Amino acid sequence: MEGSTVSNNLCSEDANLVTHCCSRASLLGNRSIKFCNEPNSSSWSCHRATCNRCVDLNWDFYADLSGFGDYSSSRHIMTTYRSIIASAKIGCHLCSLLCEGIAAVTKSVIDQDILSRDTLQSANLSIQLRRHASTMVSLIGPAGEWEFPVEFYTSGGLDSQAPGLSIGPADHVPAELDIHVLSEFAKKHMDVCMGDHPICSTNDRNSRPTRVLDVGIDATGQDIVLSTLEDDNALYITLSHCWGDNSSMLTTTSKTIAQHNLGIPFAELPKTFQDAVEITRRLGFRYLWIDSLCIVQDDKEDWEIESGKMAAIYRESCLTIAATASADSSGGLFFSRWTSVRKHDQYRKVNVETFEYHRTFAGTNFVVYARLKLRNGHEVIVHRYSAENPAPLLSRAWAYQERMLAPRILHVHMEELFWECQNDTLCECGEFRWGQELTKQPAYNDSLSLKGKIACVMAPEVLAEDVHRLWFDIVQEYSQLALTKESDRLPALSGLASLLSQKLRTPYLAGL
């Protein structure tokens, strides 16, 4: 966290004397601090609260220091963890709730010796109320050496909030990702997208894949067949994945194509391919396209023909399943969820767990949930940045074009699932739904995905200069991505280049 001054000021206070300080963290990066035991702070709204530590977790009692007027989406206070513990002991039910949630969520961190209980209890505490969204409670080490964010939320939408209590809604993320969780998430968003998003629909049928994998319907665990796609109207799903060490990965070659046309044993497929086959079946599709199996890898002519179609293949697919979390085809799409916590510049894995608390507030019964804040996925999906890059697929150049061109893409990230289409970017935990007011703030305009911008610039009224500006952004991002063969640098971007050249009505001159 920015602001070692905040850390030092709070830590220097005796735990029994620290109440809280009202603070703001502006989107421009600077901070304003107001210690509320100062005489000239007596008129501030926080003094109306029953508890001067948690300030009743009430939006109206937290000082409005945002500086963004109608765009304000959060309010903050700073205190210490020990101060909250002390308040809980003398009867504040809300401080008690915070302590119980923090203790449960941090248990795995203590058990793994990432941080000790004493270290955690000596932390500063930032409480961030967010308008109609979950509450963020972050434990912060001295000078920001480490930060441990705990999210408190209700489930069931805005109606699940207790009157006067500003803990807002979020969505559950099960600890285990299985085919039921994944297929339900995908189907829900596919139905909305295919029914309500004209911008995501394509009527192009100009360049179909030559071959697809026929997975059958309701054929769990059964073998699949490499088949020629003869029906121009056939619907199919694509898989975007990291090859990793491809020396051991199952591929179609001139020696194996005849056998693959007869059938590919399900048991011989790597785990990611097996899971993709099962998802395709569960979603009611018969055909799946995977590059390593649907292109003859040692046939130069076939590779050139099919790779030239690749952009259209992804663009015309109904859904692209992205194995975002896996470095190779053995990682699979079903696993135990995990996230990471930072201490100094080191990151450690922590399992995703959710804890449930039943409470009564102002005569209303409600349920609050606590979990370690899931945020690595949001960074890499929207901002394409993460200190430890826990999304190997997004660092690959070929996958970049696949992501940009696919009308709908389901990211299987280790923390949670993400849905991306030309109209929406949504996440399993609900941050992009309930926390959506963040995107209305002026400083967050740059967080709009390039995928959405590509769809926007294809509109008739868009000027050529806007297309050129987008192309520069694409090239800047693309230049940072990895390729196994540097000779693929232009081919792996040719689909996007051709699409934008059509908009400009000028030819794409590769390499010039």
Protein backbone atom coordinates (compact mmCIF):
# COMPACT_ATOMS: atom_id res chain seq x y z
CA MET A 1 0.00 0.00 0.00
CA GLU A 2 1.08 3.50 -0.73
CA GLY A 3 1.60 5.67 2.30
CA SER A 4 4.23 4.62 4.80
CA THR A 5 3.33 7.83 6.66
CA VAL A 6 -0.05 6.35 7.42
CA SER A 7 1.57 3.16 8.68
CA ASN A 8 4.03 4.93 10.94
CA ASN A 9 1.47 7.35 12.37
CA LEU A 10 -0.94 4.60 13.34
CA CYS A 11 1.66 2.16 14.62
CA SER A 12 3.10 4.80 16.91
CA GLU A 13 -0.22 5.09 18.76
CA ASP A 14 -1.08 2.91 21.74
CA ALA A 15 -3.62 0.27 20.64
CA ASN A 16 -6.13 1.42 23.23
CA LEU A 17 -5.93 5.05 22.11
CA VAL A 18 -6.23 4.58 18.35
CA THR A 19 -9.77 5.03 17.16
CA HIS A 20 -9.59 5.64 13.43
CA CYS A 21 -8.62 8.24 10.90
CA CYS A 22 -10.74 9.21 7.95
CA SER A 23 -8.81 8.89 4.73
CA ARG A 24 -9.12 8.87 1.00
CA ALA A 25 -7.08 7.12 -1.63
CA SER A 26 -7.70 9.07 -4.78
CA LEU A 27 -7.53 7.46 -8.19
CA LEU A 28 -4.59 9.72 -8.97
CA GLY A 29 -2.53 8.03 -6.28
CA ASN A 30 -2.26 10.64 -3.53
CA ARG A 31 -3.81 10.31 -0.09
CA SER A 32 -5.45 12.64 2.41
CA ILE A 33 -5.45 11.69 6.09
CA LYS A 34 -7.54 13.09 8.93
CA PHE A 35 -7.02 11.81 12.48
CA CYS A 36 -10.43 11.99 14.08
CA ASN A 37 -9.25 12.56 17.64
CA GLU A 38 -8.10 16.02 16.58
CA PRO A 39 -10.23 18.89 17.93
CA ASN A 40 -11.20 20.34 14.56
CA SER A 41 -12.60 17.01 13.38
CA SER A 42 -15.55 16.99 15.80
CA SER A 43 -18.03 18.05 13.14
CA TRP A 44 -17.20 15.14 10.86
CA SER A 45 -19.95 12.58 10.21
CA CYS A 46 -17.93 9.75 11.75
CA HIS A 47 -18.63 11.15 15.22
CA ARG A 48 -22.29 10.11 14.81
CA ALA A 49 -21.29 6.43 14.90
CA THR A 50 -21.77 4.20 17.95
CA CYS A 51 -18.32 2.64 17.52
CA ASN A 52 -15.36 4.93 16.85
CA ARG A 53 -13.23 2.02 15.54
CA CYS A 54 -15.32 0.49 12.72
CA VAL A 55 -17.58 3.59 12.49
CA ASP A 56 -20.59 1.22 12.34
CA LEU A 57 -19.59 0.17 8.79
CA ASN A 58 -22.10 2.80 7.71
CA TRP A 59 -21.63 4.71 4.45
CA ASP A 60 -23.31 7.84 5.87
CA PHE A 61 -20.85 7.99 8.78
CA TYR A 62 -17.70 7.64 6.67
CA ALA A 63 -16.37 11.04 5.61
CA ASP A 64 -16.86 11.88 1.94
CA LEU A 65 -13.30 12.82 0.99
CA SER A 66 -13.30 11.29 -2.46
CA GLY A 67 -13.13 14.49 -4.46
CA PHE A 68 -15.08 12.86 -7.28
CA GLY A 69 -18.58 14.10 -6.46
CA ASP A 70 -21.21 11.91 -8.12
CA TYR A 71 -18.47 9.52 -9.25
CA SER A 72 -17.58 8.63 -5.67
CA SER A 73 -17.84 4.88 -5.23
CA SER A 74 -15.94 4.26 -1.99
CA ARG A 75 -15.13 5.71 1.42
CA HIS A 76 -12.25 4.75 3.71
CA ILE A 77 -11.07 4.79 7.26
CA MET A 78 -7.76 3.64 8.71
CA THR A 79 -7.34 2.02 12.10
CA THR A 80 -5.37 -0.91 13.56
CA TYR A 81 -6.23 -4.57 13.87
CA ARG A 82 -5.54 -4.48 17.62
CA SER A 83 -7.91 -1.56 17.97
CA ILE A 84 -10.68 -3.56 16.28
CA ILE A 85 -9.92 -6.55 18.54
CA ALA A 86 -10.13 -4.32 21.62
CA SER A 87 -13.45 -2.89 20.43
CA ALA A 88 -14.86 -6.38 19.87
CA LYS A 89 -13.96 -7.33 23.44
CA ILE A 90 -15.95 -4.43 24.86
CA GLY A 91 -19.07 -5.29 22.91
CA CYS A 92 -19.05 -3.94 19.32
CA HIS A 93 -20.81 -6.66 17.32
CA LEU A 94 -19.51 -5.35 13.99
CA CYS A 95 -15.91 -5.27 15.16
CA SER A 96 -16.50 -8.82 16.41
CA LEU A 97 -17.71 -9.81 12.94
CA LEU A 98 -14.60 -8.31 11.35
CA CYS A 99 -12.34 -10.10 13.82
CA GLU A 100 -14.02 -13.47 13.26
CA GLY A 101 -13.81 -13.12 9.49
CA ILE A 102 -10.20 -11.98 9.50
CA ALA A 103 -9.18 -14.79 11.88
CA ALA A 104 -10.83 -17.44 9.70
CA VAL A 105 -9.43 -16.15 6.42
CA THR A 106 -5.91 -15.65 7.78
CA LYS A 107 -5.68 -19.09 9.38
CA SER A 108 -4.17 -20.65 6.25
CA VAL A 109 -1.58 -17.86 6.09
CA ILE A 110 -0.57 -18.55 9.68
CA ASP A 111 -0.57 -22.34 9.13
CA GLN A 112 1.76 -21.95 6.14
CA ASP A 113 4.11 -19.67 8.12
CA ILE A 114 3.62 -16.89 5.59
CA LEU A 115 2.85 -14.47 8.43
CA SER A 116 2.64 -15.06 12.19
CA ARG A 117 -0.42 -14.31 14.31
CA ASP A 118 1.49 -11.58 16.18
CA THR A 119 2.58 -9.99 12.90
CA LEU A 120 -0.99 -9.92 11.63
CA GLN A 121 -2.36 -8.50 14.88
CA SER A 122 0.16 -5.66 14.78
CA ALA A 123 -1.06 -4.60 11.33
CA ASN A 124 -2.76 -1.42 10.33
CA LEU A 125 -6.30 -1.90 9.03
CA SER A 126 -7.93 -0.18 6.08
CA ILE A 127 -11.72 -0.42 5.83
CA GLN A 128 -13.15 0.49 2.46
CA LEU A 129 -16.91 0.75 2.03
CA ARG A 130 -18.01 0.57 -1.58
CA ARG A 131 -21.34 1.82 -2.84
CA HIS A 132 -23.63 -1.20 -3.43
CA ALA A 133 -20.67 -3.58 -3.38
CA SER A 134 -18.65 -5.68 -0.95
CA THR A 135 -16.57 -4.21 1.87
CA MET A 136 -12.79 -4.49 1.69
CA VAL A 137 -10.82 -4.87 4.93
CA SER A 138 -7.06 -4.90 4.35
CA LEU A 139 -4.37 -5.74 6.89
CA ILE A 140 -1.26 -3.77 5.98
CA GLY A 141 2.29 -4.29 7.21
CA PRO A 142 4.79 -1.54 8.08
CA ALA A 143 5.62 0.66 5.07
CA GLY A 144 3.40 -1.56 2.94
CA GLU A 145 5.74 -4.56 3.13
CA TRP A 146 2.75 -6.84 2.86
CA GLU A 147 -1.00 -6.56 2.42
CA PHE A 148 -3.71 -9.07 3.16
CA PRO A 149 -7.15 -8.03 1.79
CA VAL A 150 -10.28 -9.68 3.22
CA GLU A 151 -13.61 -9.22 1.44
CA PHE A 152 -16.89 -9.15 3.40
CA TYR A 153 -20.06 -9.50 1.35
CA THR A 154 -23.69 -10.53 1.26
CA SER A 155 -25.27 -12.85 -1.29
CA GLY A 156 -28.59 -12.29 -3.01
CA GLY A 157 -28.24 -8.83 -4.50
CA LEU A 158 -28.95 -5.43 -3.00
CA ASP A 159 -31.97 -6.79 -1.08
CA SER A 160 -29.60 -8.89 1.04
CA GLN A 161 -28.07 -5.83 2.73
CA ALA A 162 -29.07 -5.04 6.32
CA PRO A 163 -30.54 -1.53 6.73
CA GLY A 164 -27.85 0.95 7.76
CA LEU A 165 -25.04 -1.54 7.20
CA SER A 166 -22.89 -0.90 4.14
CA ILE A 167 -21.71 -4.44 3.41
CA GLY A 168 -22.86 -4.99 -0.14
CA PRO A 169 -23.30 -7.96 -2.48
CA ALA A 170 -20.87 -10.23 -4.30
CA ASP A 171 -21.15 -13.73 -5.78
CA HIS A 172 -19.87 -17.01 -4.40
CA VAL A 173 -16.79 -18.70 -5.87
CA PRO A 174 -16.78 -22.43 -4.96
CA ALA A 175 -13.47 -23.77 -3.66
CA GLU A 176 -13.54 -26.53 -6.28
CA LEU A 177 -13.97 -25.82 -9.97
CA ASP A 178 -15.78 -28.75 -11.60
CA ILE A 179 -17.73 -29.32 -14.81
CA HIS A 180 -21.02 -28.31 -13.19
CA VAL A 181 -19.73 -24.94 -11.96
CA LEU A 182 -17.96 -24.19 -15.24
CA SER A 183 -20.77 -25.24 -17.58
CA GLU A 184 -23.45 -23.38 -15.59
CA PHE A 185 -21.39 -20.18 -15.66
CA ALA A 186 -20.72 -20.55 -19.39
CA LYS A 187 -24.31 -21.41 -20.32
CA LYS A 188 -25.75 -18.51 -18.35
CA HIS A 189 -23.61 -15.95 -20.13
CA MET A 190 -23.82 -17.63 -23.54
CA ASP A 191 -27.62 -17.51 -23.44
CA VAL A 192 -27.58 -13.79 -22.65
CA CYS A 193 -24.89 -12.98 -25.21
CA MET A 194 -26.35 -14.97 -28.10
CA GLY A 195 -29.84 -13.65 -27.38
CA ASP A 196 -29.21 -10.01 -26.51
CA HIS A 197 -25.88 -8.88 -27.99
CA PRO A 198 -26.11 -8.09 -31.72
CA ILE A 199 -22.53 -6.78 -31.64
CA CYS A 200 -21.29 -10.27 -30.70
CA SER A 201 -23.07 -12.05 -33.55
CA THR A 202 -21.32 -12.81 -36.81
CA ASN A 203 -22.89 -14.02 -40.02
CA ASP A 204 -19.55 -14.73 -41.66
CA ARG A 205 -19.16 -18.26 -42.95
CA ASN A 206 -16.33 -17.53 -45.34
CA SER A 207 -13.52 -19.58 -43.87
CA ARG A 208 -14.55 -22.67 -41.94
CA PRO A 209 -12.00 -25.06 -40.42
CA THR A 210 -11.24 -28.04 -42.63
CA ARG A 211 -11.29 -30.46 -39.71
CA VAL A 212 -12.93 -30.54 -36.30
CA LEU A 213 -13.13 -33.02 -33.46
CA ASP A 214 -16.49 -34.79 -33.39
CA VAL A 215 -17.08 -35.30 -29.67
CA GLY A 216 -20.62 -36.65 -29.95
CA ILE A 217 -23.42 -35.66 -27.60
CA ASP A 218 -23.87 -37.07 -24.10
CA ALA A 219 -20.90 -39.37 -24.62
CA THR A 220 -18.99 -38.85 -21.38
CA GLY A 221 -15.55 -40.44 -21.50
CA GLN A 222 -16.06 -41.84 -25.01
CA ASP A 223 -13.51 -41.59 -27.80
CA ILE A 224 -13.57 -38.71 -30.28
CA VAL A 225 -13.05 -38.59 -34.04
CA LEU A 226 -11.10 -36.17 -36.23
CA SER A 227 -13.67 -35.32 -38.88
CA THR A 228 -13.95 -33.18 -42.01
CA LEU A 229 -16.41 -30.35 -41.46
CA GLU A 230 -18.82 -30.49 -44.37
CA ASP A 231 -21.79 -28.54 -42.96
CA ASP A 232 -21.21 -24.82 -43.48
CA ASN A 233 -23.75 -24.04 -40.76
CA ALA A 234 -22.30 -26.36 -38.13
CA LEU A 235 -21.62 -24.72 -34.77
CA TYR A 236 -18.36 -25.40 -32.95
CA ILE A 237 -16.29 -24.45 -29.90
CA THR A 238 -12.58 -23.60 -29.97
CA LEU A 239 -9.88 -24.16 -27.36
CA SER A 240 -7.11 -21.62 -26.69
CA HIS A 241 -4.22 -23.18 -24.77
CA CYS A 242 -0.48 -23.06 -24.11
CA TRP A 243 1.51 -25.76 -25.87
CA GLY A 244 4.30 -25.77 -23.30
CA ASP A 245 6.83 -28.51 -24.01
CA ASN A 246 5.13 -29.81 -27.13
CA SER A 247 7.48 -32.75 -27.55
CA SER A 248 5.14 -34.93 -25.50
CA MET A 249 1.79 -33.38 -26.49
CA LEU A 250 -0.64 -35.35 -28.63
CA THR A 251 -0.76 -33.91 -32.15
CA THR A 252 -2.04 -34.84 -35.58
CA THR A 253 0.75 -35.60 -38.04
CA SER A 254 0.99 -37.23 -41.46
CA LYS A 255 1.61 -40.51 -39.63
CA THR A 256 -1.34 -40.25 -37.22
CA ILE A 257 -4.05 -38.54 -39.28
CA ALA A 258 -5.47 -41.79 -40.67
CA GLN A 259 -5.80 -43.24 -37.18
CA HIS A 260 -7.27 -40.00 -35.81
CA ASN A 261 -9.89 -40.08 -38.58
CA LEU A 262 -10.99 -43.45 -37.19
CA GLY A 263 -10.89 -42.32 -33.58
CA ILE A 264 -8.74 -40.83 -30.81
CA PRO A 265 -8.95 -42.67 -27.48
CA PHE A 266 -10.24 -40.30 -24.81
CA ALA A 267 -7.64 -41.64 -22.35
CA GLU A 268 -4.80 -40.56 -24.66
CA LEU A 269 -5.88 -36.91 -24.64
CA PRO A 270 -4.00 -34.57 -22.26
CA LYS A 271 -6.06 -33.35 -19.31
CA THR A 272 -6.91 -29.93 -20.77
CA PHE A 273 -8.19 -31.55 -23.98
CA GLN A 274 -10.25 -34.10 -22.02
CA ASP A 275 -11.88 -31.37 -19.97
CA ALA A 276 -12.57 -29.26 -23.09
CA VAL A 277 -14.26 -32.26 -24.73
CA GLU A 278 -16.49 -32.79 -21.68
CA ILE A 279 -17.43 -29.10 -21.52
CA THR A 280 -18.29 -29.09 -25.23
CA ARG A 281 -20.61 -32.05 -24.69
CA ARG A 282 -22.16 -30.54 -21.55
CA LEU A 283 -22.95 -27.30 -23.42
CA GLY A 284 -24.70 -29.27 -26.15
CA PHE A 285 -22.18 -28.83 -28.96
CA ARG A 286 -20.91 -31.64 -31.18
CA TYR A 287 -17.75 -30.10 -32.61
CA LEU A 288 -14.55 -28.83 -30.99
CA TRP A 289 -11.54 -27.28 -32.72
CA ILE A 290 -8.06 -27.65 -31.19
CA ASP A 291 -5.13 -26.42 -33.28
CA SER A 292 -2.69 -29.23 -32.42
CA LEU A 293 -5.19 -31.92 -33.44
CA CYS A 294 -7.06 -30.24 -36.30
CA ILE A 295 -3.98 -29.08 -38.23
CA VAL A 296 -1.47 -31.61 -39.61
CA GLN A 297 1.57 -30.35 -37.78
CA ASP A 298 4.31 -31.73 -40.03
CA ASP A 299 2.57 -30.89 -43.32
CA LYS A 300 3.81 -27.43 -44.35
CA GLU A 301 1.10 -26.91 -46.95
CA ASP A 302 -1.71 -27.91 -44.58
CA TRP A 303 -0.25 -25.76 -41.80
CA GLU A 304 -0.07 -22.71 -44.07
CA ILE A 305 -3.65 -23.18 -45.28
CA GLU A 306 -5.16 -23.79 -41.84
CA SER A 307 -3.08 -21.20 -39.97
CA GLY A 308 -4.19 -18.68 -42.58
CA LYS A 309 -7.78 -19.46 -41.58
CA MET A 310 -7.06 -19.37 -37.86
CA ALA A 311 -8.31 -15.84 -37.25
CA ALA A 312 -11.61 -16.65 -38.98
CA ILE A 313 -11.87 -19.97 -37.15
CA TYR A 314 -11.83 -18.22 -33.78
CA ARG A 315 -13.95 -15.32 -35.00
CA GLU A 316 -16.70 -17.66 -36.22
CA SER A 317 -16.70 -20.03 -33.23
CA CYS A 318 -19.63 -19.95 -30.81
CA LEU A 319 -17.31 -19.95 -27.79
CA THR A 320 -13.59 -20.09 -27.10
CA ILE A 321 -12.54 -21.88 -23.93
CA ALA A 322 -9.27 -20.35 -22.74
CA ALA A 323 -7.06 -22.48 -20.48
CA THR A 324 -5.76 -19.23 -19.03
CA ALA A 325 -4.24 -20.74 -15.89
CA SER A 326 -2.32 -23.62 -17.50
CA ALA A 327 1.24 -23.47 -18.80
CA ASP A 328 0.72 -26.61 -20.92
CA SER A 329 -1.97 -29.07 -21.96
CA SER A 330 -1.64 -31.16 -18.79
CA GLY A 331 -3.01 -28.50 -16.43
CA GLY A 332 -6.68 -29.22 -17.04
CA LEU A 333 -9.72 -27.01 -16.60
CA PHE A 334 -11.02 -28.42 -13.30
CA PHE A 335 -9.04 -27.92 -10.08
CA SER A 336 -8.98 -26.52 -6.54
CA ARG A 337 -9.06 -22.72 -6.64
CA TRP A 338 -6.15 -20.75 -5.27
CA THR A 339 -4.93 -17.19 -5.08
CA SER A 340 -1.73 -15.59 -3.84
CA VAL A 341 -0.66 -13.23 -1.08
CA ARG A 342 2.32 -10.89 -1.12
CA LYS A 343 5.03 -10.52 1.50
CA HIS A 344 7.76 -8.14 0.42
CA ASP A 345 8.16 -9.08 -3.25
CA GLN A 346 7.39 -12.78 -2.78
CA TYR A 347 4.04 -14.41 -3.58
CA ARG A 348 2.65 -17.54 -1.89
CA LYS A 349 -0.31 -19.73 -2.84
CA VAL A 350 -3.38 -19.74 -0.62
CA ASN A 351 -6.52 -21.81 -1.22
CA VAL A 352 -9.77 -19.96 -1.93
CA GLU A 353 -12.14 -20.47 1.01
CA THR A 354 -15.37 -18.74 2.04
CA PHE A 355 -16.69 -18.40 5.61
CA GLU A 356 -20.30 -17.74 6.59
CA TYR A 357 -21.63 -15.67 9.53
CA HIS A 358 -25.24 -15.22 10.65
CA ARG A 359 -25.96 -11.92 12.37
CA THR A 360 -28.79 -9.64 13.48
CA PHE A 361 -28.44 -5.91 12.91
CA ALA A 362 -31.09 -3.28 13.64
CA GLY A 363 -33.62 -6.09 14.10
CA THR A 364 -32.86 -7.68 10.72
CA ASN A 365 -31.34 -11.14 10.29
CA PHE A 366 -28.70 -11.35 7.57
CA VAL A 367 -25.76 -13.48 6.45
CA VAL A 368 -22.27 -12.13 5.78
CA TYR A 369 -19.48 -14.02 4.02
CA ALA A 370 -15.73 -13.49 4.28
CA ARG A 371 -12.95 -14.56 1.92
CA LEU A 372 -9.52 -13.52 0.78
CA LYS A 373 -10.07 -10.91 -1.90
CA LEU A 374 -9.75 -12.36 -5.39
CA ARG A 375 -7.92 -9.75 -7.44
CA ASN A 376 -5.06 -11.28 -9.46
CA GLY A 377 -7.50 -12.40 -12.11
CA HIS A 378 -9.04 -8.95 -12.46
CA GLU A 379 -5.61 -7.45 -13.01
CA VAL A 380 -4.59 -9.82 -15.79
CA ILE A 381 -7.98 -9.94 -17.52
CA VAL A 382 -8.73 -6.21 -17.56
CA HIS A 383 -5.36 -4.54 -17.11
CA ARG A 384 -3.25 -7.42 -18.48
CA TYR A 385 -0.78 -7.03 -15.61
CA SER A 386 0.29 -9.16 -12.67
CA ALA A 387 3.50 -9.19 -10.70
CA GLU A 388 3.74 -12.96 -10.90
CA ASN A 389 1.81 -13.51 -14.15
CA PRO A 390 -0.53 -16.23 -12.88
CA ALA A 391 -2.12 -16.52 -16.35
CA PRO A 392 0.48 -18.07 -18.69
CA LEU A 393 -1.81 -18.12 -21.72
CA LEU A 394 -2.16 -14.33 -21.74
CA SER A 395 1.59 -13.94 -22.23
CA ARG A 396 1.48 -15.83 -25.55
CA ALA A 397 1.27 -13.97 -28.87
CA TRP A 398 -0.91 -16.50 -30.71
CA ALA A 399 -3.39 -16.50 -27.83
CA TYR A 400 -3.63 -12.70 -27.98
CA GLN A 401 -5.13 -12.75 -31.46
CA GLU A 402 -7.41 -15.65 -30.51
CA ARG A 403 -8.68 -13.64 -27.56
CA MET A 404 -9.22 -10.45 -29.50
CA LEU A 405 -11.10 -12.10 -32.38
CA ALA A 406 -13.25 -14.66 -30.56
CA PRO A 407 -16.79 -13.28 -30.13
CA ARG A 408 -17.09 -14.99 -26.75
CA ILE A 409 -14.33 -16.31 -24.53
CA LEU A 410 -14.44 -18.17 -21.22
CA HIS A 411 -11.23 -17.71 -19.21
CA VAL A 412 -10.44 -20.51 -16.77
CA HIS A 413 -8.25 -18.66 -14.27
CA MET A 414 -6.94 -20.29 -11.09
CA GLU A 415 -8.96 -17.89 -8.90
CA GLU A 416 -12.24 -17.75 -10.76
CA LEU A 417 -13.96 -17.84 -14.15
CA PHE A 418 -14.16 -14.81 -16.44
CA TRP A 419 -16.52 -14.17 -19.33
CA GLU A 420 -15.44 -11.86 -22.10
CA CYS A 421 -17.46 -10.89 -25.14
CA GLN A 422 -17.60 -7.76 -27.25
CA ASN A 423 -20.34 -6.37 -25.04
CA ASP A 424 -19.37 -7.50 -21.52
CA THR A 425 -16.50 -8.46 -19.24
CA LEU A 426 -17.83 -10.41 -16.26
CA CYS A 427 -16.30 -12.40 -13.42
CA GLU A 428 -17.50 -15.21 -11.22
CA CYS A 429 -17.07 -13.29 -7.95
CA GLY A 430 -19.29 -10.44 -9.15
CA GLU A 431 -16.72 -7.65 -8.91
CA PHE A 432 -17.43 -6.49 -12.47
CA ARG A 433 -21.16 -6.58 -11.76
CA TRP A 434 -21.56 -5.15 -8.25
CA GLY A 435 -18.40 -3.03 -8.38
CA GLN A 436 -19.20 -1.66 -11.81
CA GLU A 437 -19.40 1.96 -10.62
CA LEU A 438 -15.61 1.91 -10.56
CA THR A 439 -15.64 1.90 -14.35
CA LYS A 440 -17.64 5.15 -14.37
CA GLN A 441 -14.82 7.10 -12.80
CA PRO A 442 -12.81 9.22 -15.26
CA ALA A 443 -9.42 7.74 -14.33
CA TYR A 444 -10.66 4.21 -15.09
CA ASN A 445 -11.51 4.81 -18.76
CA ASP A 446 -8.25 3.14 -19.81
CA SER A 447 -9.38 -0.11 -18.24
CA LEU A 448 -11.81 -0.74 -21.11
CA SER A 449 -10.59 -3.89 -22.81
CA LEU A 450 -9.06 -3.76 -26.25
CA LYS A 451 -11.49 -6.52 -27.22
CA GLY A 452 -14.40 -4.16 -26.60
CA LYS A 453 -12.63 -1.35 -28.41
CA ILE A 454 -12.11 -3.56 -31.48
CA ALA A 455 -15.86 -4.13 -31.66
CA CYS A 456 -16.50 -0.40 -31.26
CA VAL A 457 -14.15 0.74 -34.04
CA MET A 458 -15.89 -1.52 -36.54
CA ALA A 459 -18.99 0.70 -36.31
CA PRO A 460 -19.65 2.72 -39.52
CA GLU A 461 -19.35 6.14 -37.85
CA VAL A 462 -15.86 5.55 -36.40
CA LEU A 463 -13.08 7.67 -37.89
CA ALA A 464 -9.90 6.30 -39.44
CA GLU A 465 -7.76 8.05 -36.83
CA ASP A 466 -9.51 6.05 -34.09
CA VAL A 467 -8.69 2.82 -35.92
CA HIS A 468 -5.04 3.86 -36.24
CA ARG A 469 -4.88 4.74 -32.55
CA LEU A 470 -6.29 1.33 -31.64
CA TRP A 471 -3.79 -0.38 -33.95
CA PHE A 472 -0.91 1.37 -32.18
CA ASP A 473 -2.28 0.14 -28.81
CA ILE A 474 -2.55 -3.40 -30.16
CA VAL A 475 0.99 -3.40 -31.51
CA GLN A 476 2.34 -2.00 -28.25
CA GLU A 477 0.75 -4.80 -26.24
CA TYR A 478 1.49 -7.50 -28.78
CA SER A 479 5.18 -6.62 -28.92
CA GLN A 480 5.57 -7.66 -25.29
CA LEU A 481 4.20 -11.17 -25.82
CA ALA A 482 6.12 -14.40 -26.24
CA LEU A 483 6.48 -16.70 -29.25
CA THR A 484 8.21 -20.05 -29.51
CA LYS A 485 9.18 -19.19 -33.09
CA GLU A 486 10.01 -15.55 -33.76
CA SER A 487 9.15 -16.18 -37.43
CA ASP A 488 5.50 -16.37 -36.29
CA ARG A 489 5.51 -12.73 -35.16
CA LEU A 490 3.59 -11.45 -38.22
CA PRO A 491 1.39 -14.51 -38.89
CA ALA A 492 0.18 -14.49 -35.26
CA LEU A 493 -1.15 -10.94 -35.74
CA SER A 494 -2.29 -11.14 -39.37
CA GLY A 495 -5.94 -11.83 -38.52
CA LEU A 496 -6.29 -8.66 -36.48
CA ALA A 497 -4.36 -6.66 -39.05
CA SER A 498 -6.59 -7.88 -41.86
CA LEU A 499 -9.75 -7.10 -39.91
CA LEU A 500 -8.71 -3.48 -39.27
CA SER A 501 -7.47 -3.06 -42.85
CA GLN A 502 -10.98 -3.97 -44.02
CA LYS A 503 -12.35 -1.17 -41.88
CA LEU A 504 -9.84 1.27 -43.38
CA ARG A 505 -10.37 -0.16 -46.88
CA THR A 506 -6.65 -0.37 -47.39
CA PRO A 507 -4.57 -3.51 -47.96
CA TYR A 508 -2.55 -5.06 -45.16
CA LEU A 509 1.10 -5.10 -46.25
CA ALA A 510 2.72 -7.52 -43.82
CA GLY A 511 6.27 -6.61 -42.90
CA LEU A 512 6.33 -3.28 -44.74
